[in-house]
N, C-alpha and C. Protein backbone atom coordinates (compact mmCIF):
# COMPACT_ATOMS: atom_id res chain seq x y z
N MET A 1 12.47 3.08 1.59
CA MET A 1 12.16 2.75 3.03
C MET A 1 10.80 3.59 3.04
N ILE A 2 9.75 2.72 3.85
CA ILE A 2 8.29 3.74 4.12
C ILE A 2 8.71 4.63 5.21
N LYS A 3 8.63 6.05 5.47
CA LYS A 3 8.98 6.77 6.56
C LYS A 3 7.43 6.70 7.30
N SER A 4 6.27 7.24 6.72
CA SER A 4 5.28 7.27 7.05
C SER A 4 4.71 7.08 6.03
N PHE A 5 3.16 6.58 6.80
CA PHE A 5 1.57 6.56 5.74
C PHE A 5 0.61 6.70 6.32
N ASP A 6 -0.44 7.32 5.42
CA ASP A 6 -2.05 7.49 6.06
C ASP A 6 -3.24 6.97 5.40
N ILE A 7 -4.01 6.00 5.62
CA ILE A 7 -4.65 5.27 4.54
C ILE A 7 -5.97 5.57 5.09
N LYS A 8 -6.86 5.89 3.81
CA LYS A 8 -8.74 5.82 4.29
C LYS A 8 -9.45 5.48 3.44
N ASN A 9 -9.89 4.82 4.29
CA ASN A 9 -11.47 4.17 3.27
C ASN A 9 -10.67 3.40 2.29
N PHE A 10 -9.93 2.22 2.05
CA PHE A 10 -9.32 1.71 1.19
C PHE A 10 -9.71 -0.04 1.70
N GLY A 11 -10.47 -0.70 1.31
CA GLY A 11 -10.49 -1.86 1.73
C GLY A 11 -11.13 -2.26 2.90
N PRO A 12 -10.97 -3.00 3.67
CA PRO A 12 -11.71 -2.86 5.51
C PRO A 12 -10.59 -1.72 6.26
N LEU A 13 -9.55 -1.23 5.66
CA LEU A 13 -9.12 -0.24 6.31
C LEU A 13 -9.72 0.78 6.43
N SER A 14 -10.56 1.49 7.58
CA SER A 14 -11.18 2.58 7.71
C SER A 14 -10.49 3.83 7.78
N SER A 15 -9.46 3.84 8.37
CA SER A 15 -8.36 4.73 8.64
C SER A 15 -7.57 4.32 9.85
N VAL A 16 -5.92 4.20 9.07
CA VAL A 16 -4.81 3.64 9.47
C VAL A 16 -3.57 4.33 9.34
N GLN A 17 -2.62 5.00 10.30
CA GLN A 17 -1.82 5.70 10.05
C GLN A 17 -0.20 5.17 10.52
N GLY A 18 1.02 5.61 9.84
CA GLY A 18 1.93 5.21 10.86
C GLY A 18 3.00 6.36 10.17
N GLU A 19 3.60 6.45 11.40
CA GLU A 19 4.47 7.70 11.24
C GLU A 19 5.78 7.41 12.21
N GLU A 20 6.84 8.09 11.75
CA GLU A 20 8.30 7.62 12.16
C GLU A 20 8.80 6.50 12.42
N LEU A 21 8.36 5.88 11.15
CA LEU A 21 8.48 3.92 10.85
C LEU A 21 9.87 4.18 10.84
N GLY A 22 10.49 2.78 11.49
CA GLY A 22 11.75 2.73 11.54
C GLY A 22 12.21 1.39 10.10
N LYS A 23 13.69 0.96 10.75
CA LYS A 23 13.65 -0.43 10.06
C LYS A 23 13.26 -1.17 9.80
N LEU A 24 12.20 -1.77 11.15
CA LEU A 24 11.79 -2.82 11.42
C LEU A 24 10.20 -2.25 11.95
N ASN A 25 9.36 -2.71 11.50
CA ASN A 25 8.03 -2.19 12.64
C ASN A 25 7.31 -3.28 12.76
N LEU A 26 6.27 -3.34 13.66
CA LEU A 26 5.68 -4.42 14.29
C LEU A 26 4.39 -4.39 13.89
N VAL A 27 2.90 -4.87 13.45
CA VAL A 27 1.78 -4.65 13.17
C VAL A 27 1.07 -5.52 14.14
N ILE A 28 0.57 -5.29 14.85
CA ILE A 28 -0.17 -6.15 15.88
C ILE A 28 -1.77 -5.27 15.19
N GLY A 29 -2.66 -6.96 15.75
CA GLY A 29 -4.53 -6.72 15.84
C GLY A 29 -4.53 -8.44 15.78
N GLY A 30 -6.31 -8.25 16.22
CA GLY A 30 -6.58 -9.46 16.44
C GLY A 30 -7.18 -9.82 14.68
N ASN A 31 -7.85 -11.18 14.81
CA ASN A 31 -7.76 -11.68 13.49
C ASN A 31 -8.84 -10.91 12.70
N SER A 32 -8.72 -11.04 11.16
CA SER A 32 -9.56 -10.24 10.26
C SER A 32 -9.56 -8.99 10.53
N SER A 33 -8.76 -8.21 11.29
CA SER A 33 -8.34 -6.83 11.01
C SER A 33 -8.11 -6.36 10.11
N GLY A 34 -7.37 -6.75 9.43
CA GLY A 34 -6.64 -5.97 8.33
C GLY A 34 -4.99 -5.79 8.63
N LYS A 35 -4.35 -6.74 9.26
CA LYS A 35 -2.65 -6.66 9.25
C LYS A 35 -2.34 -6.81 7.47
N THR A 36 -2.54 -8.24 6.86
CA THR A 36 -2.32 -8.81 6.05
C THR A 36 -2.45 -7.82 4.76
N PHE A 37 -3.86 -7.26 4.89
CA PHE A 37 -4.33 -6.15 3.81
C PHE A 37 -3.82 -5.11 3.86
N LEU A 38 -3.32 -4.49 5.07
CA LEU A 38 -2.17 -3.49 5.23
C LEU A 38 -1.04 -3.62 4.53
N LEU A 39 -0.28 -4.63 4.78
CA LEU A 39 1.42 -4.96 4.10
C LEU A 39 0.87 -5.34 2.37
N LYS A 40 0.07 -5.92 2.11
CA LYS A 40 -0.29 -5.40 0.91
C LYS A 40 -0.93 -4.75 0.21
N ALA A 41 -1.24 -3.86 0.86
CA ALA A 41 -1.45 -2.17 0.11
C ALA A 41 -0.12 -1.20 0.19
N LEU A 42 0.76 -1.55 1.23
CA LEU A 42 1.58 -0.43 1.32
C LEU A 42 3.04 -1.45 0.08
N TYR A 43 3.15 -2.65 -0.59
CA TYR A 43 3.86 -2.94 -1.19
C TYR A 43 3.33 -2.63 -2.78
N ALA A 44 2.06 -2.72 -3.04
CA ALA A 44 1.47 -2.07 -3.99
C ALA A 44 1.54 -1.01 -4.16
N MET A 45 1.47 0.21 -3.16
CA MET A 45 2.00 1.36 -3.51
C MET A 45 3.75 1.48 -3.46
N ILE A 46 4.32 0.45 -3.00
CA ILE A 46 5.57 0.79 -3.65
C ILE A 46 6.08 -0.07 -4.98
N ARG A 47 5.64 -0.76 -5.13
CA ARG A 47 5.73 -1.17 -6.65
C ARG A 47 5.30 -0.06 -7.69
N SER A 48 4.13 0.25 -7.32
CA SER A 48 3.54 1.16 -8.35
C SER A 48 4.28 2.54 -8.30
N GLN A 49 4.96 2.70 -7.55
CA GLN A 49 5.69 3.72 -7.38
C GLN A 49 7.13 3.65 -8.38
N GLU A 50 7.68 2.16 -8.03
CA GLU A 50 8.83 1.88 -8.54
C GLU A 50 8.22 1.58 -10.45
N GLU A 51 7.14 0.91 -10.96
CA GLU A 51 6.99 0.67 -12.13
C GLU A 51 6.64 1.70 -12.60
N THR A 52 6.17 3.24 -12.60
CA THR A 52 5.88 4.51 -12.81
C THR A 52 6.75 5.19 -13.86
N GLY A 53 6.92 5.41 -14.88
CA GLY A 53 7.79 5.89 -15.55
C GLY A 53 9.07 5.44 -16.09
N ARG A 54 8.60 3.83 -15.82
CA ARG A 54 9.57 2.90 -16.82
C ARG A 54 9.86 2.94 -18.03
N GLY A 55 10.73 2.81 -18.84
CA GLY A 55 10.51 2.41 -20.18
C GLY A 55 9.68 3.45 -20.89
N GLU A 56 8.79 2.73 -21.71
CA GLU A 56 8.16 3.57 -22.69
C GLU A 56 6.29 3.49 -21.95
N ASP A 57 6.28 2.74 -20.88
CA ASP A 57 5.12 2.62 -20.53
C ASP A 57 4.31 4.43 -20.09
N PRO A 58 3.40 4.75 -20.77
CA PRO A 58 2.75 6.19 -20.86
C PRO A 58 2.05 6.33 -19.24
N ARG A 59 1.87 4.99 -18.53
CA ARG A 59 0.76 4.79 -17.46
C ARG A 59 1.23 6.62 -16.66
N ASP A 60 0.28 6.88 -15.71
CA ASP A 60 0.92 7.29 -14.27
C ASP A 60 0.63 6.51 -13.15
N PHE A 61 1.25 7.18 -12.05
CA PHE A 61 1.17 6.52 -10.96
C PHE A 61 -0.70 5.76 -10.34
N SER A 62 -1.52 6.83 -10.49
CA SER A 62 -2.50 6.05 -10.29
C SER A 62 -2.96 5.25 -11.32
N GLU A 63 -2.92 4.87 -12.54
CA GLU A 63 -2.98 3.87 -13.22
C GLU A 63 -2.50 2.54 -12.93
N VAL A 64 -1.11 2.85 -13.02
CA VAL A 64 -0.25 1.54 -12.27
C VAL A 64 -0.72 1.10 -11.01
N PHE A 65 -1.18 2.25 -9.99
CA PHE A 65 -1.68 1.31 -8.82
C PHE A 65 -2.99 0.42 -8.75
N SER A 66 -4.24 1.47 -9.12
CA SER A 66 -5.23 0.73 -9.80
C SER A 66 -4.96 -0.65 -10.33
N GLY A 67 -4.08 -0.73 -11.24
CA GLY A 67 -4.20 -2.13 -11.62
C GLY A 67 -3.43 -3.46 -10.90
N SER A 68 -2.33 -2.59 -9.75
CA SER A 68 -1.91 -3.52 -8.85
C SER A 68 -2.93 -3.54 -7.55
N SER A 69 -3.12 -2.60 -7.21
CA SER A 69 -4.27 -3.17 -6.28
C SER A 69 -5.62 -3.77 -6.36
N TYR A 70 -5.98 -3.89 -7.54
CA TYR A 70 -7.10 -4.47 -8.27
C TYR A 70 -6.87 -6.59 -7.48
N ASN A 71 -5.49 -6.58 -7.51
CA ASN A 71 -5.27 -7.97 -7.02
C ASN A 71 -5.66 -8.05 -4.96
N LEU A 72 -5.42 -7.17 -4.59
CA LEU A 72 -5.81 -6.83 -3.17
C LEU A 72 -7.54 -7.57 -2.79
N MET A 73 -8.24 -6.45 -4.33
CA MET A 73 -9.68 -6.23 -3.41
C MET A 73 -10.31 -7.58 -4.01
N VAL A 74 -9.39 -8.94 -4.90
CA VAL A 74 -10.07 -10.07 -4.98
C VAL A 74 -9.77 -11.05 -4.29
């Protein structure tokens, strides 16, 4: 579970913070404000953390994340 996050200068997000998050959270914003991008970025970070160090994969977190975050930018 994500308890907090702080994202700066990533894609369309100039600065976004979430603190003291619970089990259910609501993301509100206007059209094209980056809500879906935020959720995909958080998902990519979680997946990258889970994949780092699995099996014989020698990549560190930043290498795994750069591969998974590429899909966010396309």
